[in-house]
Amino acid sequence: MRQARGPFDEVPDQSFRRFVPAITVAIGSALTLWPMVASFPVLPPFGLLMLLGWRLTKPESLRIWAPLPLGFFDDLLSGQPLGNAMLFWTLCLFMIDLIDQRVVYRDFWQDWLIAAGAIAFCLLLGRLVASPIGAHVDTGLMLQIAVSILLFPLVVRLCTLLGDDEEEL
C-alpha cells in the first residue's frame, strides 16, 4: 500500500515520466517502419492506437496540443500527406473531449466504441485524402479498420501498465 506524501516530503522527480505517453505514441508510429512482407497490408496505425489508448485511459497524460507534433511525426514516417494525421488526430481528441463533457461516466465498452469510431474516421478520411477515388483499396482498408479495432484492448492494457508504473515510481 502506498503512503500519501506528507506536506514536508520532497516532490518525486517526474522529469522523464511525463514523456512516457508521447514516447510510446512515437514508437507506435515508428512501428510502421518495421520490415514486414505481406501480400495483404493490414498493419494497424499503432501511433493512433497508442494516442487513443492514452487519451481514453489517462486523459491528463497528454496535452490538448499533443496530436499536432505527434501527428506530424506520424505523417513523416508513414508517407501520408503532411498534415493528415495532425488534423485527424486533433479532431479525434476534440471529439473525445466533447464526449467527456457530455457523458459523466464511461466504461470500457464505451471507450472501445469511441476508439472504433475514431479509428474508422481517421483511416477512412486518410484514404480519401491520400489515394484516388478509383483505387481499389477498400477491402484492405476495411480489414485494417477491423484489425485496429480488435487490437485496441491490448493497446489499452499496455497504456494502463505503463501508466501504473508511472505512478508507482
Protein backbone atom coordinates (compact mmCIF):
# COMPACT_ATOMS: atom_id res chain seq x y z
CA MET A 1 0.00 0.00 0.00
CA ARG A 2 1.34 3.40 -0.96
CA GLN A 3 1.68 6.05 1.67
CA ALA A 4 0.43 9.55 0.95
CA ARG A 5 3.13 12.16 0.58
CA GLY A 6 3.37 14.45 3.55
CA PRO A 7 3.48 18.24 3.34
CA PHE A 8 7.24 18.34 4.03
CA ASP A 9 8.29 15.36 1.91
CA GLU A 10 10.28 16.02 -1.23
CA VAL A 11 8.42 16.09 -4.51
CA PRO A 12 9.32 12.97 -6.53
CA ASP A 13 11.25 13.52 -9.74
CA GLN A 14 8.82 13.41 -12.64
CA SER A 15 11.02 14.69 -15.43
CA PHE A 16 11.02 11.53 -17.55
CA ARG A 17 7.63 10.10 -16.61
CA ARG A 18 5.66 12.89 -18.21
CA PHE A 19 7.20 11.99 -21.59
CA VAL A 20 6.20 8.31 -21.47
CA PRO A 21 2.87 8.78 -23.32
CA ALA A 22 4.44 10.87 -26.10
CA ILE A 23 7.36 8.45 -26.45
CA THR A 24 5.05 5.45 -26.71
CA VAL A 25 2.93 7.19 -29.37
CA ALA A 26 6.11 8.00 -31.32
CA ILE A 27 7.31 4.40 -31.00
CA GLY A 28 3.88 3.23 -32.16
CA SER A 29 4.18 5.46 -35.22
CA ALA A 30 7.69 4.15 -35.87
CA LEU A 31 6.45 0.54 -35.87
CA THR A 32 5.23 1.09 -39.42
CA LEU A 33 8.88 1.17 -40.49
CA TRP A 34 9.35 -2.43 -39.37
CA PRO A 35 10.28 -4.50 -42.45
CA MET A 36 7.42 -6.92 -42.98
CA VAL A 37 6.44 -8.86 -46.07
CA ALA A 38 2.69 -9.14 -46.51
CA SER A 39 0.54 -9.93 -49.51
CA PHE A 40 -2.37 -8.03 -47.96
CA PRO A 41 -1.39 -4.94 -45.93
CA VAL A 42 -3.37 -4.78 -42.70
CA LEU A 43 -0.85 -3.18 -40.35
CA PRO A 44 -2.86 -1.03 -37.92
CA PRO A 45 -1.87 2.57 -37.17
CA PHE A 46 -0.12 1.89 -33.87
CA GLY A 47 0.59 5.58 -33.26
CA LEU A 48 -3.11 6.41 -33.43
CA LEU A 49 -3.96 3.41 -31.27
CA MET A 50 -1.46 4.49 -28.60
CA LEU A 51 -2.74 8.08 -28.73
CA LEU A 52 -6.32 6.92 -28.24
CA GLY A 53 -5.26 4.45 -25.56
CA TRP A 54 -3.54 7.14 -23.52
CA ARG A 55 -6.33 9.67 -24.03
CA LEU A 56 -9.10 7.27 -23.04
CA THR A 57 -7.32 5.67 -20.05
CA LYS A 58 -5.48 8.69 -18.65
CA PRO A 59 -6.93 11.93 -20.02
CA GLU A 60 -4.41 14.12 -18.19
CA SER A 61 -1.39 12.30 -19.67
CA LEU A 62 -1.41 14.22 -22.98
CA ARG A 63 -1.89 17.92 -23.52
CA ILE A 64 -4.59 19.13 -25.89
CA TRP A 65 -1.92 20.22 -28.41
CA ALA A 66 -0.10 16.85 -28.32
CA PRO A 67 -1.68 15.44 -31.53
CA LEU A 68 -0.03 18.17 -33.61
CA PRO A 69 3.64 17.23 -33.11
CA LEU A 70 2.83 13.53 -32.75
CA GLY A 71 0.72 13.59 -35.92
CA PHE A 72 3.49 15.45 -37.73
CA PHE A 73 5.94 12.73 -36.69
CA ASP A 74 3.49 10.06 -37.88
CA ASP A 75 2.99 11.83 -41.21
CA LEU A 76 6.74 11.97 -41.77
CA LEU A 77 7.15 8.26 -41.09
CA SER A 78 4.01 6.89 -42.73
CA GLY A 79 4.26 8.73 -46.03
CA GLN A 80 0.77 10.21 -45.73
CA PRO A 81 0.26 13.78 -46.97
CA LEU A 82 1.74 16.21 -44.49
CA GLY A 83 -0.89 17.37 -42.02
CA ASN A 84 -3.12 14.32 -42.46
CA ALA A 85 -2.58 12.77 -39.02
CA MET A 86 -2.11 16.20 -37.48
CA LEU A 87 -5.63 17.24 -38.47
CA PHE A 88 -7.45 13.95 -37.99
CA TRP A 89 -5.83 13.09 -34.65
CA THR A 90 -6.61 16.58 -33.33
CA LEU A 91 -10.23 16.29 -34.46
CA CYS A 92 -10.50 12.90 -32.75
CA LEU A 93 -9.22 14.28 -29.45
CA PHE A 94 -11.57 17.26 -29.73
CA MET A 95 -14.48 14.87 -30.23
CA ILE A 96 -13.37 12.78 -27.24
CA ASP A 97 -13.24 15.98 -25.16
CA LEU A 98 -16.74 16.85 -26.33
CA ILE A 99 -17.96 13.37 -25.33
CA ASP A 100 -16.24 13.78 -21.94
CA GLN A 101 -18.17 16.99 -21.34
CA ARG A 102 -21.50 15.35 -22.17
CA VAL A 103 -21.07 11.94 -20.51
CA VAL A 104 -20.48 11.77 -16.79
CA TYR A 105 -19.14 8.22 -16.62
CA ARG A 106 -17.73 5.89 -19.29
CA ASP A 107 -16.89 2.23 -19.05
CA PHE A 108 -14.54 0.13 -21.16
CA TRP A 109 -17.16 -0.74 -23.78
CA GLN A 110 -17.94 2.91 -24.41
CA ASP A 111 -14.21 3.67 -24.68
CA TRP A 112 -13.87 0.86 -27.19
CA LEU A 113 -16.81 2.24 -29.20
CA ILE A 114 -15.33 5.75 -29.13
CA ALA A 115 -11.96 4.39 -30.25
CA ALA A 116 -13.61 2.36 -33.01
CA GLY A 117 -15.27 5.48 -34.36
CA ALA A 118 -12.04 7.46 -34.15
CA ILE A 119 -10.04 4.72 -35.88
CA ALA A 120 -12.59 4.39 -38.68
CA PHE A 121 -12.77 8.19 -39.03
CA CYS A 122 -9.00 8.60 -39.33
CA LEU A 123 -8.46 5.68 -41.69
CA LEU A 124 -11.41 6.45 -43.98
CA LEU A 125 -10.60 10.15 -44.30
CA GLY A 126 -6.91 9.31 -44.70
CA ARG A 127 -7.84 7.04 -47.61
CA LEU A 128 -9.90 9.80 -49.22
CA VAL A 129 -7.06 12.30 -48.90
CA ALA A 130 -4.15 10.02 -49.84
CA SER A 131 -5.43 7.81 -52.66
CA PRO A 132 -7.58 8.46 -55.72
CA ILE A 133 -11.26 7.53 -55.57
CA GLY A 134 -10.84 4.87 -58.28
CA ALA A 135 -8.16 2.98 -56.35
CA HIS A 136 -9.20 -0.50 -55.21
CA VAL A 137 -8.11 -0.32 -51.58
CA ASP A 138 -11.48 -0.54 -49.85
CA THR A 139 -11.26 -4.23 -48.90
CA GLY A 140 -7.81 -3.80 -47.41
CA LEU A 141 -8.94 -0.66 -45.63
CA MET A 142 -11.93 -2.37 -44.04
CA LEU A 143 -9.71 -5.22 -42.90
CA GLN A 144 -7.22 -2.73 -41.48
CA ILE A 145 -10.03 -0.97 -39.59
CA ALA A 146 -11.28 -4.29 -38.19
CA VAL A 147 -7.79 -5.39 -37.09
CA SER A 148 -7.16 -1.99 -35.48
CA ILE A 149 -10.43 -2.06 -33.56
CA LEU A 150 -9.82 -5.59 -32.33
CA LEU A 151 -6.26 -4.70 -31.27
CA PHE A 152 -7.38 -1.68 -29.24
CA PRO A 153 -7.95 -3.56 -25.91
CA LEU A 154 -4.33 -4.77 -25.97
CA VAL A 155 -3.14 -1.21 -26.51
CA VAL A 156 -5.30 -0.01 -23.62
CA ARG A 157 -3.78 -2.73 -21.43
CA LEU A 158 -0.27 -1.60 -22.41
CA CYS A 159 -1.11 2.04 -21.65
CA THR A 160 -2.60 1.02 -18.31
CA LEU A 161 0.51 -0.98 -17.40
CA LEU A 162 2.82 1.88 -18.37
CA GLY A 163 0.60 4.38 -16.54
CA ASP A 164 0.54 2.27 -13.37
CA ASP A 165 4.32 2.00 -13.41
CA GLU A 166 4.39 5.75 -13.89
CA GLU A 167 2.50 6.32 -10.63
CA GLU A 168 4.49 3.82 -8.57
CA LEU A 169 7.90 5.36 -9.28
